[in-house]
Amino acid sequence: MIVVYVSLLVLLGVARFLIQRRATSLEGKYAAVLKQTNALLREPLPREGNSGKTDAYQTAKRHYQLGALAQKKEVLEARHAAWQGRADRFGRLIRGLRAWRGRKFPYVLGALDAFVALCVLDYLGLAEYANPHHVVNAVTTWLST
């Protein structure tokens, strides 16, 4: 039972680490796109030579780049929020399972261990020997001799 409990906690811990790592990775990508967007916004408008007119082609290109970066930023923000939410919920689940230590969860896993052991005995064709009546008869005959 302890082995199943500890291995389940280790497996959940690894899954939490991977989920948190994905959320952190998306946060880094989002920060990089945000930095690019801010840098592009702070650039001065391109001018045609010495005149005060703005270059229409360069302005259109800049607006297109800003739109593409804004779309990319929104997608990354939504993905990061989703993954961060998953990581937070998963972390609460693991904390809840660890809080059950010594209460319900180990006993549930002990019952699960017993159920799996009985299923294995049944699969191997040894279920008749695991029958409670057969076990009681075997123990009483063993004790009576």
N, C-alpha and C. Protein backbone atom coordinates (compact mmCIF):
# COMPACT_ATOMS: atom_id res chain seq x y z
N MET A 1 0.82 -1.18 0.00
CA MET A 1 0.00 0.00 0.00
C MET A 1 0.87 1.25 0.00
N ILE A 2 1.89 1.26 0.80
CA ILE A 2 2.78 2.41 0.86
C ILE A 2 3.45 2.62 -0.49
N VAL A 3 3.83 1.52 -1.13
CA VAL A 3 4.49 1.63 -2.43
C VAL A 3 3.56 2.27 -3.45
N VAL A 4 2.30 1.86 -3.46
CA VAL A 4 1.34 2.44 -4.41
C VAL A 4 1.12 3.91 -4.09
N TYR A 5 0.98 4.25 -2.82
CA TYR A 5 0.76 5.64 -2.41
C TYR A 5 1.94 6.52 -2.80
N VAL A 6 3.13 6.08 -2.49
CA VAL A 6 4.33 6.87 -2.80
C VAL A 6 4.52 6.97 -4.31
N SER A 7 4.34 5.85 -5.02
CA SER A 7 4.53 5.91 -6.48
C SER A 7 3.48 6.81 -7.13
N LEU A 8 2.25 6.81 -6.60
CA LEU A 8 1.23 7.72 -7.13
C LEU A 8 1.61 9.16 -6.88
N LEU A 9 2.11 9.46 -5.68
CA LEU A 9 2.55 10.83 -5.38
C LEU A 9 3.72 11.25 -6.25
N VAL A 10 4.65 10.34 -6.50
CA VAL A 10 5.79 10.66 -7.37
C VAL A 10 5.31 10.91 -8.80
N LEU A 11 4.43 10.07 -9.29
CA LEU A 11 3.89 10.23 -10.63
C LEU A 11 3.15 11.56 -10.76
N LEU A 12 2.32 11.89 -9.78
CA LEU A 12 1.61 13.16 -9.81
C LEU A 12 2.56 14.35 -9.69
N GLY A 13 3.62 14.18 -8.91
CA GLY A 13 4.63 15.25 -8.79
C GLY A 13 5.34 15.51 -10.09
N VAL A 14 5.68 14.44 -10.81
CA VAL A 14 6.32 14.60 -12.12
C VAL A 14 5.36 15.27 -13.11
N ALA A 15 4.10 14.85 -13.08
CA ALA A 15 3.11 15.46 -13.97
C ALA A 15 2.94 16.94 -13.63
N ARG A 16 2.93 17.28 -12.35
CA ARG A 16 2.80 18.68 -11.95
C ARG A 16 4.01 19.49 -12.41
N PHE A 17 5.20 18.91 -12.29
CA PHE A 17 6.40 19.59 -12.74
C PHE A 17 6.33 19.88 -14.24
N LEU A 18 5.88 18.90 -15.02
CA LEU A 18 5.80 19.09 -16.46
C LEU A 18 4.74 20.13 -16.84
N ILE A 19 3.62 20.11 -16.15
CA ILE A 19 2.57 21.10 -16.42
C ILE A 19 3.05 22.50 -16.05
N GLN A 20 3.70 22.61 -14.90
CA GLN A 20 4.22 23.92 -14.47
C GLN A 20 5.31 24.41 -15.41
N ARG A 21 6.12 23.49 -15.89
CA ARG A 21 7.19 23.86 -16.84
C ARG A 21 6.60 24.39 -18.14
N ARG A 22 5.51 23.77 -18.62
CA ARG A 22 4.84 24.23 -19.83
C ARG A 22 4.27 25.63 -19.63
N ALA A 23 3.65 25.87 -18.47
CA ALA A 23 3.10 27.20 -18.18
C ALA A 23 4.20 28.25 -18.12
N THR A 24 5.33 27.92 -17.52
CA THR A 24 6.45 28.84 -17.43
C THR A 24 7.04 29.12 -18.81
N SER A 25 7.12 28.09 -19.65
CA SER A 25 7.62 28.26 -21.00
C SER A 25 6.72 29.21 -21.80
N LEU A 26 5.42 29.03 -21.68
CA LEU A 26 4.50 29.92 -22.39
C LEU A 26 4.57 31.35 -21.85
N GLU A 27 4.83 31.47 -20.55
CA GLU A 27 4.98 32.80 -19.98
C GLU A 27 6.21 33.50 -20.56
N GLY A 28 7.30 32.76 -20.75
CA GLY A 28 8.49 33.33 -21.36
C GLY A 28 8.25 33.75 -22.80
N LYS A 29 7.55 32.91 -23.56
CA LYS A 29 7.23 33.27 -24.94
C LYS A 29 6.35 34.51 -25.00
N TYR A 30 5.38 34.58 -24.09
CA TYR A 30 4.49 35.74 -24.03
C TYR A 30 5.28 37.00 -23.72
N ALA A 31 6.22 36.91 -22.77
CA ALA A 31 7.03 38.07 -22.40
C ALA A 31 7.90 38.53 -23.57
N ALA A 32 8.42 37.57 -24.35
CA ALA A 32 9.25 37.93 -25.50
C ALA A 32 8.42 38.64 -26.57
N VAL A 33 7.22 38.16 -26.84
CA VAL A 33 6.35 38.81 -27.83
C VAL A 33 5.93 40.19 -27.33
N LEU A 34 5.64 40.31 -26.05
CA LEU A 34 5.27 41.60 -25.48
C LEU A 34 6.42 42.59 -25.60
N LYS A 35 7.63 42.12 -25.40
CA LYS A 35 8.81 42.99 -25.53
C LYS A 35 8.97 43.45 -26.98
N GLN A 36 8.77 42.53 -27.93
CA GLN A 36 8.85 42.91 -29.36
C GLN A 36 7.78 43.94 -29.70
N THR A 37 6.57 43.73 -29.20
CA THR A 37 5.47 44.65 -29.49
C THR A 37 5.76 46.03 -28.91
N ASN A 38 6.23 46.09 -27.69
CA ASN A 38 6.56 47.38 -27.08
C ASN A 38 7.69 48.08 -27.81
N ALA A 39 8.69 47.30 -28.26
CA ALA A 39 9.80 47.90 -29.01
C ALA A 39 9.30 48.46 -30.33
N LEU A 40 8.42 47.76 -31.01
CA LEU A 40 7.89 48.24 -32.29
C LEU A 40 7.00 49.46 -32.08
N LEU A 41 6.26 49.50 -30.98
CA LEU A 41 5.42 50.66 -30.70
C LEU A 41 6.25 51.90 -30.39
N ARG A 42 7.39 51.72 -29.77
CA ARG A 42 8.22 52.86 -29.37
C ARG A 42 9.10 53.39 -30.49
N GLU A 43 9.19 52.64 -31.58
CA GLU A 43 9.99 53.13 -32.72
C GLU A 43 9.32 54.37 -33.30
N PRO A 44 10.12 55.34 -33.73
CA PRO A 44 9.51 56.52 -34.36
C PRO A 44 8.91 56.15 -35.73
N LEU A 45 7.91 56.91 -36.15
CA LEU A 45 7.31 56.66 -37.45
C LEU A 45 8.31 56.97 -38.55
N PRO A 46 8.39 56.11 -39.56
CA PRO A 46 9.34 56.38 -40.66
C PRO A 46 8.87 57.57 -41.50
N ARG A 47 9.83 58.43 -41.88
CA ARG A 47 9.54 59.64 -42.68
C ARG A 47 10.22 59.50 -44.03
N GLU A 48 9.65 60.20 -44.99
CA GLU A 48 10.24 60.22 -46.34
C GLU A 48 11.31 61.30 -46.38
N GLY A 49 12.52 60.91 -46.35
CA GLY A 49 13.63 61.85 -46.47
C GLY A 49 13.55 62.98 -45.46
N ASN A 50 13.63 64.25 -45.97
CA ASN A 50 13.60 65.42 -45.09
C ASN A 50 12.20 65.98 -44.93
N SER A 51 11.22 65.40 -45.59
CA SER A 51 9.86 65.94 -45.48
C SER A 51 9.19 65.46 -44.20
N GLY A 52 8.10 66.10 -43.86
CA GLY A 52 7.38 65.73 -42.65
C GLY A 52 6.35 64.64 -42.90
N LYS A 53 6.25 64.18 -44.16
CA LYS A 53 5.26 63.16 -44.48
C LYS A 53 5.75 61.78 -44.04
N THR A 54 4.78 60.97 -43.64
CA THR A 54 5.15 59.60 -43.28
C THR A 54 5.13 58.74 -44.53
N ASP A 55 5.98 57.73 -44.55
CA ASP A 55 6.03 56.79 -45.67
C ASP A 55 4.85 55.83 -45.54
N ALA A 56 3.96 55.84 -46.52
CA ALA A 56 2.73 55.05 -46.46
C ALA A 56 3.04 53.55 -46.42
N TYR A 57 4.02 53.13 -47.22
CA TYR A 57 4.37 51.70 -47.25
C TYR A 57 4.92 51.25 -45.90
N GLN A 58 5.83 52.03 -45.35
CA GLN A 58 6.43 51.67 -44.05
C GLN A 58 5.38 51.70 -42.94
N THR A 59 4.47 52.66 -43.00
CA THR A 59 3.42 52.74 -42.00
C THR A 59 2.49 51.53 -42.09
N ALA A 60 2.11 51.15 -43.30
CA ALA A 60 1.25 49.98 -43.48
C ALA A 60 1.96 48.72 -43.00
N LYS A 61 3.25 48.60 -43.31
CA LYS A 61 4.02 47.44 -42.87
C LYS A 61 4.08 47.39 -41.34
N ARG A 62 4.27 48.55 -40.73
CA ARG A 62 4.34 48.60 -39.27
C ARG A 62 3.00 48.20 -38.64
N HIS A 63 1.91 48.70 -39.21
CA HIS A 63 0.58 48.33 -38.69
C HIS A 63 0.33 46.84 -38.84
N TYR A 64 0.76 46.28 -39.97
CA TYR A 64 0.60 44.84 -40.18
C TYR A 64 1.40 44.05 -39.14
N GLN A 65 2.64 44.46 -38.90
CA GLN A 65 3.48 43.78 -37.91
C GLN A 65 2.88 43.92 -36.50
N LEU A 66 2.37 45.09 -36.19
CA LEU A 66 1.74 45.29 -34.88
C LEU A 66 0.51 44.40 -34.73
N GLY A 67 -0.28 44.29 -35.79
CA GLY A 67 -1.47 43.43 -35.74
C GLY A 67 -1.08 41.97 -35.56
N ALA A 68 -0.06 41.52 -36.29
CA ALA A 68 0.39 40.13 -36.17
C ALA A 68 0.93 39.85 -34.77
N LEU A 69 1.71 40.79 -34.23
CA LEU A 69 2.24 40.61 -32.87
C LEU A 69 1.12 40.64 -31.83
N ALA A 70 0.11 41.48 -32.05
CA ALA A 70 -1.01 41.54 -31.10
C ALA A 70 -1.78 40.22 -31.12
N GLN A 71 -2.00 39.65 -32.29
CA GLN A 71 -2.68 38.36 -32.38
C GLN A 71 -1.87 37.27 -31.69
N LYS A 72 -0.57 37.26 -31.97
CA LYS A 72 0.31 36.26 -31.37
C LYS A 72 0.32 36.40 -29.84
N LYS A 73 0.34 37.65 -29.38
CA LYS A 73 0.35 37.93 -27.94
C LYS A 73 -0.94 37.44 -27.29
N GLU A 74 -2.08 37.67 -27.93
CA GLU A 74 -3.36 37.24 -27.37
C GLU A 74 -3.46 35.72 -27.31
N VAL A 75 -2.98 35.04 -28.35
CA VAL A 75 -3.01 33.58 -28.36
C VAL A 75 -2.12 33.02 -27.25
N LEU A 76 -0.91 33.58 -27.14
CA LEU A 76 0.00 33.11 -26.09
C LEU A 76 -0.54 33.42 -24.69
N GLU A 77 -1.19 34.55 -24.56
CA GLU A 77 -1.76 34.91 -23.26
C GLU A 77 -2.87 33.93 -22.87
N ALA A 78 -3.72 33.58 -23.83
CA ALA A 78 -4.80 32.62 -23.55
C ALA A 78 -4.24 31.24 -23.23
N ARG A 79 -3.24 30.80 -23.99
CA ARG A 79 -2.63 29.48 -23.73
C ARG A 79 -1.94 29.46 -22.38
N HIS A 80 -1.23 30.55 -22.05
CA HIS A 80 -0.55 30.62 -20.75
C HIS A 80 -1.57 30.58 -19.62
N ALA A 81 -2.66 31.34 -19.76
CA ALA A 81 -3.68 31.36 -18.71
C ALA A 81 -4.29 29.97 -18.52
N ALA A 82 -4.52 29.26 -19.63
CA ALA A 82 -5.10 27.91 -19.53
C ALA A 82 -4.13 26.96 -18.84
N TRP A 83 -2.87 26.98 -19.25
CA TRP A 83 -1.89 26.06 -18.65
C TRP A 83 -1.61 26.43 -17.20
N GLN A 84 -1.60 27.72 -16.89
CA GLN A 84 -1.37 28.13 -15.50
C GLN A 84 -2.55 27.70 -14.63
N GLY A 85 -3.75 27.80 -15.17
CA GLY A 85 -4.92 27.32 -14.44
C GLY A 85 -4.85 25.83 -14.18
N ARG A 86 -4.42 25.07 -15.20
CA ARG A 86 -4.26 23.62 -15.01
C ARG A 86 -3.22 23.32 -13.94
N ALA A 87 -2.11 24.06 -14.00
CA ALA A 87 -1.04 23.83 -13.02
C ALA A 87 -1.53 24.15 -11.61
N ASP A 88 -2.29 25.22 -11.45
CA ASP A 88 -2.80 25.57 -10.13
C ASP A 88 -3.78 24.52 -9.62
N ARG A 89 -4.70 24.07 -10.48
CA ARG A 89 -5.67 23.05 -10.06
C ARG A 89 -4.96 21.74 -9.72
N PHE A 90 -3.97 21.36 -10.52
CA PHE A 90 -3.23 20.13 -10.28
C PHE A 90 -2.44 20.23 -8.98
N GLY A 91 -1.86 21.40 -8.71
CA GLY A 91 -1.14 21.61 -7.46
C GLY A 91 -2.06 21.49 -6.26
N ARG A 92 -3.29 22.05 -6.37
CA ARG A 92 -4.25 21.91 -5.27
C ARG A 92 -4.65 20.45 -5.08
N LEU A 93 -4.80 19.70 -6.18
CA LEU A 93 -5.13 18.28 -6.08
C LEU A 93 -4.04 17.52 -5.34
N ILE A 94 -2.80 17.78 -5.68
CA ILE A 94 -1.68 17.08 -5.03
C ILE A 94 -1.59 17.46 -3.55
N ARG A 95 -1.77 18.76 -3.26
CA ARG A 95 -1.76 19.17 -1.85
C ARG A 95 -2.89 18.49 -1.08
N GLY A 96 -4.05 18.36 -1.71
CA GLY A 96 -5.16 17.67 -1.07
C GLY A 96 -4.86 16.21 -0.82
N LEU A 97 -4.24 15.53 -1.78
CA LEU A 97 -3.88 14.12 -1.60
C LEU A 97 -2.84 13.95 -0.50
N ARG A 98 -1.89 14.88 -0.43
CA ARG A 98 -0.89 14.79 0.63
C ARG A 98 -1.49 15.07 1.99
N ALA A 99 -2.52 15.90 2.02
CA ALA A 99 -3.18 16.20 3.29
C ALA A 99 -3.96 14.99 3.79
N TRP A 100 -4.32 14.09 2.91
CA TRP A 100 -5.04 12.87 3.28
C TRP A 100 -4.13 11.83 3.89
N ARG A 101 -2.83 12.11 3.95
CA ARG A 101 -1.88 11.12 4.48
C ARG A 101 -2.30 10.72 5.88
N GLY A 102 -2.46 9.42 6.07
CA GLY A 102 -2.84 8.91 7.37
C GLY A 102 -4.33 8.98 7.63
N ARG A 103 -5.09 9.48 6.67
CA ARG A 103 -6.54 9.56 6.86
C ARG A 103 -7.22 8.57 5.94
N LYS A 104 -7.76 9.05 4.84
CA LYS A 104 -8.56 8.20 3.97
C LYS A 104 -7.78 7.60 2.81
N PHE A 105 -6.94 8.40 2.21
CA PHE A 105 -6.32 7.99 0.95
C PHE A 105 -5.50 6.71 1.05
N PRO A 106 -4.62 6.55 2.04
CA PRO A 106 -3.88 5.29 2.12
C PRO A 106 -4.78 4.08 2.30
N TYR A 107 -5.89 4.25 3.02
CA TYR A 107 -6.81 3.13 3.21
C TYR A 107 -7.52 2.79 1.90
N VAL A 108 -7.83 3.81 1.12
CA VAL A 108 -8.44 3.57 -0.19
C VAL A 108 -7.46 2.81 -1.07
N LEU A 109 -6.18 3.21 -1.02
CA LEU A 109 -5.17 2.50 -1.81
C LEU A 109 -4.96 1.08 -1.28
N GLY A 110 -5.09 0.87 0.02
CA GLY A 110 -4.99 -0.48 0.57
C GLY A 110 -6.12 -1.36 0.06
N ALA A 111 -7.33 -0.82 0.01
CA ALA A 111 -8.45 -1.57 -0.54
C ALA A 111 -8.24 -1.83 -2.03
N LEU A 112 -7.68 -0.86 -2.71
CA LEU A 112 -7.38 -1.04 -4.13
C LEU A 112 -6.32 -2.14 -4.32
N ASP A 113 -5.31 -2.17 -3.44
CA ASP A 113 -4.31 -3.24 -3.49
C ASP A 113 -4.95 -4.60 -3.31
N ALA A 114 -5.84 -4.72 -2.34
CA ALA A 114 -6.51 -6.00 -2.09
C ALA A 114 -7.36 -6.40 -3.29
N PHE A 115 -8.06 -5.44 -3.87
CA PHE A 115 -8.89 -5.72 -5.05
C PHE A 115 -8.03 -6.19 -6.22
N VAL A 116 -6.90 -5.52 -6.44
CA VAL A 116 -6.01 -5.92 -7.54
C VAL A 116 -5.44 -7.31 -7.28
N ALA A 117 -5.07 -7.59 -6.04
CA ALA A 117 -4.54 -8.91 -5.71
C ALA A 117 -5.59 -9.99 -5.98
N LEU A 118 -6.85 -9.74 -5.61
CA LEU A 118 -7.91 -10.71 -5.88
C LEU A 118 -8.16 -10.86 -7.38
N CYS A 119 -8.07 -9.77 -8.12
CA CYS A 119 -8.23 -9.86 -9.58
C CYS A 119 -7.11 -10.68 -10.21
N VAL A 120 -5.90 -10.51 -9.71
CA VAL A 120 -4.77 -11.29 -10.23
C VAL A 120 -4.96 -12.77 -9.92
N LEU A 121 -5.40 -13.08 -8.70
CA LEU A 121 -5.67 -14.48 -8.34
C LEU A 121 -6.76 -15.07 -9.23
N ASP A 122 -7.79 -14.29 -9.50
CA ASP A 122 -8.87 -14.76 -10.37
C ASP A 122 -8.36 -14.97 -11.79
N TYR A 123 -7.52 -14.06 -12.27
CA TYR A 123 -6.98 -14.18 -13.62
C TYR A 123 -6.08 -15.41 -13.75
N LEU A 124 -5.33 -15.71 -12.71
CA LEU A 124 -4.44 -16.87 -12.73
C LEU A 124 -5.17 -18.18 -12.47
N GLY A 125 -6.46 -18.13 -12.19
CA GLY A 125 -7.23 -19.34 -11.95
C GLY A 125 -7.13 -19.84 -10.54
N LEU A 126 -6.68 -19.03 -9.64
CA LEU A 126 -6.53 -19.42 -8.24
C LEU A 126 -7.62 -18.82 -7.37
N ALA A 127 -8.73 -18.37 -7.97
CA ALA A 127 -9.78 -17.70 -7.22
C ALA A 127 -10.46 -18.64 -6.25
N GLU A 128 -10.55 -19.93 -6.59
CA GLU A 128 -11.22 -20.86 -5.69
C GLU A 128 -10.46 -21.01 -4.38
N TYR A 129 -9.14 -20.81 -4.41
CA TYR A 129 -8.35 -20.91 -3.19
C TYR A 129 -8.41 -19.62 -2.37
N ALA A 130 -8.82 -18.52 -3.01
CA ALA A 130 -8.94 -17.24 -2.30
C ALA A 130 -10.35 -17.02 -1.80
N ASN A 131 -11.22 -17.97 -2.03
CA ASN A 131 -12.60 -17.90 -1.54
C ASN A 131 -12.56 -17.89 -0.01
N PRO A 132 -13.32 -16.98 0.64
CA PRO A 132 -13.26 -16.90 2.11
C PRO A 132 -13.64 -18.22 2.79
N HIS A 133 -14.61 -18.95 2.27
CA HIS A 133 -15.00 -20.22 2.87
C HIS A 133 -13.85 -21.23 2.79
N HIS A 134 -13.19 -21.26 1.66
CA HIS A 134 -12.07 -22.18 1.49
C HIS A 134 -10.93 -21.81 2.43
N VAL A 135 -10.67 -20.53 2.58
CA VAL A 135 -9.59 -20.08 3.47
C VAL A 135 -9.93 -20.43 4.92
N VAL A 136 -11.17 -20.19 5.33
CA VAL A 136 -11.57 -20.51 6.72
C VAL A 136 -11.45 -22.01 6.97
N ASN A 137 -11.92 -22.82 6.01
CA ASN A 137 -11.81 -24.27 6.16
C ASN A 137 -10.35 -24.72 6.22
N ALA A 138 -9.50 -24.14 5.40
CA ALA A 138 -8.10 -24.51 5.40
C ALA A 138 -7.43 -24.15 6.71
N VAL A 139 -7.76 -22.96 7.25
CA VAL A 139 -7.15 -22.53 8.51
C VAL A 139 -7.66 -23.39 9.67
N THR A 140 -8.95 -23.69 9.69
CA THR A 140 -9.49 -24.52 10.79
C THR A 140 -8.95 -25.94 10.74
N THR A 141 -8.81 -26.53 9.56
CA THR A 141 -8.24 -27.87 9.47
C THR A 141 -6.76 -27.84 9.85
N TRP A 142 -6.08 -26.79 9.50
CA TRP A 142 -4.67 -26.66 9.84
C TRP A 142 -4.50 -26.52 11.35
N LEU A 143 -5.39 -25.76 11.98
CA LEU A 143 -5.29 -25.54 13.43
C LEU A 143 -5.77 -26.78 14.22
N SER A 144 -6.69 -27.52 13.65
CA SER A 144 -7.21 -28.70 14.36
C SER A 144 -6.23 -29.87 14.31
N THR A 145 -5.33 -29.91 13.39
CA THR A 145 -4.38 -31.03 13.31
C THR A 145 -3.14 -30.80 14.10
